[in-house]
């Protein structure tokens, strides 16, 4: 199901924070935790801690909107590698959502 507030599926809405009259932040977290390690396929995962990832998103009521993704870093207890699951709608190494990139392209 697509989250109506942000238009990207796979997120749970935490809240919206107005930073100024021209800027707001939408705080979200992924709905599902990873089940397996992307390197070895192991299912014994351990959380290494939380962090936030920011990405520019579509304008929200004529003000700039940033998406703040609250996510975790995971470590596989089988192969000992750590990883961050790819957030839905944000490609690796990008600082903007795919929705914004498509809008700018058009």
Protein backbone atom coordinates (compact mmCIF):
# COMPACT_ATOMS: atom_id res chain seq x y z
CA UNK A 1 0.00 0.00 0.00
CA UNK A 2 1.28 3.45 -0.90
CA UNK A 3 1.56 5.89 1.97
CA UNK A 4 -0.78 8.72 0.92
CA UNK A 5 1.19 11.45 2.65
CA UNK A 6 4.46 10.79 0.80
CA UNK A 7 3.42 8.69 -2.21
CA UNK A 8 5.98 5.89 -1.68
CA UNK A 9 5.08 2.42 -0.45
CA UNK A 10 7.04 0.60 2.22
CA UNK A 11 7.15 3.31 4.90
CA UNK A 12 5.40 3.90 8.21
CA UNK A 13 4.75 7.56 8.97
CA UNK A 14 6.27 8.86 12.22
CA UNK A 15 5.36 12.52 11.89
CA UNK A 16 5.68 15.82 10.06
CA UNK A 17 7.80 18.63 11.44
CA UNK A 18 7.63 22.21 10.20
CA UNK A 19 11.13 23.68 10.27
CA UNK A 20 10.16 27.07 8.85
CA UNK A 21 7.40 28.54 6.70
CA UNK A 22 9.22 27.31 3.59
CA UNK A 23 10.63 23.98 4.78
CA UNK A 24 9.21 20.87 6.42
CA UNK A 25 10.46 17.37 7.25
CA UNK A 26 8.48 14.16 6.98
CA UNK A 27 9.80 11.49 9.36
CA UNK A 28 9.27 7.88 8.26
CA UNK A 29 10.63 4.41 9.01
CA UNK A 30 10.63 1.27 6.86
CA UNK A 31 7.69 -1.05 7.57
CA UNK A 32 9.74 -4.23 7.43
CA UNK A 33 13.11 -5.24 8.80
CA UNK A 34 15.33 -7.36 6.55
CA UNK A 35 14.91 -11.11 6.92
CA UNK A 36 18.17 -12.24 5.35
CA UNK A 37 21.71 -11.01 4.78
CA UNK A 38 22.26 -9.76 1.20
CA UNK A 39 25.82 -11.18 1.21
CA UNK A 40 25.41 -14.77 2.43
CA UNK A 41 21.65 -15.22 2.87
CA UNK A 42 21.99 -15.89 6.60
CA UNK A 43 18.98 -15.20 8.78
CA UNK A 44 20.79 -14.43 12.06
CA UNK A 45 20.83 -10.61 12.06
CA UNK A 46 21.78 -8.21 14.84
CA UNK A 47 20.96 -4.49 14.98
CA UNK A 48 24.07 -2.30 15.14
CA UNK A 49 22.15 0.89 15.93
CA UNK A 50 19.87 3.51 14.46
CA UNK A 51 20.57 6.44 12.21
CA UNK A 52 18.73 8.89 9.99
CA UNK A 53 19.02 9.32 6.24
CA UNK A 54 17.76 12.49 4.55
CA UNK A 55 16.51 12.91 1.01
CA UNK A 56 14.80 15.76 -0.81
CA UNK A 57 11.20 14.98 -1.71
CA UNK A 58 8.26 16.53 -3.56
CA UNK A 59 7.02 19.90 -2.32
CA UNK A 60 4.42 19.74 0.43
CA UNK A 61 1.85 22.55 0.17
CA UNK A 62 4.25 24.89 -1.66
CA UNK A 63 7.09 24.41 0.83
CA UNK A 64 10.29 22.42 0.43
CA UNK A 65 9.98 18.95 1.92
CA UNK A 66 12.73 16.61 3.08
CA UNK A 67 12.16 12.94 3.79
CA UNK A 68 13.94 11.76 6.97
CA UNK A 69 14.22 7.97 7.02
CA UNK A 70 14.83 6.46 10.47
CA UNK A 71 16.60 3.18 9.76
CA UNK A 72 19.07 0.70 11.25
CA UNK A 73 22.40 -0.84 10.36
CA UNK A 74 22.38 -4.64 10.61
CA UNK A 75 25.17 -7.18 11.10
CA UNK A 76 24.95 -10.77 9.94
CA UNK A 77 26.13 -13.13 12.67
CA UNK A 78 27.05 -15.78 10.05
CA UNK A 79 29.40 -13.82 7.75
CA UNK A 80 30.05 -10.88 10.19
CA UNK A 81 29.36 -8.26 7.50
CA UNK A 82 27.23 -5.23 8.23
CA UNK A 83 24.72 -3.66 5.86
CA UNK A 84 21.96 -1.10 5.60
CA UNK A 85 18.83 -2.25 3.75
CA UNK A 86 18.00 -0.08 0.75
CA UNK A 87 15.18 2.33 1.64
CA UNK A 88 12.17 2.14 -0.71
CA UNK A 89 12.06 4.91 -3.29
CA UNK A 90 15.62 6.15 -2.72
CA UNK A 91 18.44 4.79 -4.85
CA UNK A 92 21.91 4.19 -3.39
CA UNK A 93 24.12 7.29 -3.10
CA UNK A 94 21.23 9.63 -4.04
CA UNK A 95 20.04 12.56 -1.95
CA UNK A 96 16.60 12.78 -3.54
CA UNK A 97 13.65 10.41 -3.87
CA UNK A 98 12.73 8.81 -7.17
CA UNK A 99 9.40 10.72 -7.13
CA UNK A 100 11.27 14.04 -7.12
CA UNK A 101 13.73 12.87 -9.79
CA UNK A 102 10.86 11.84 -12.11
CA UNK A 103 9.08 15.17 -11.57
CA UNK A 104 12.25 17.14 -12.39
CA UNK A 105 12.86 15.01 -15.48
CA UNK A 106 9.40 15.78 -16.86
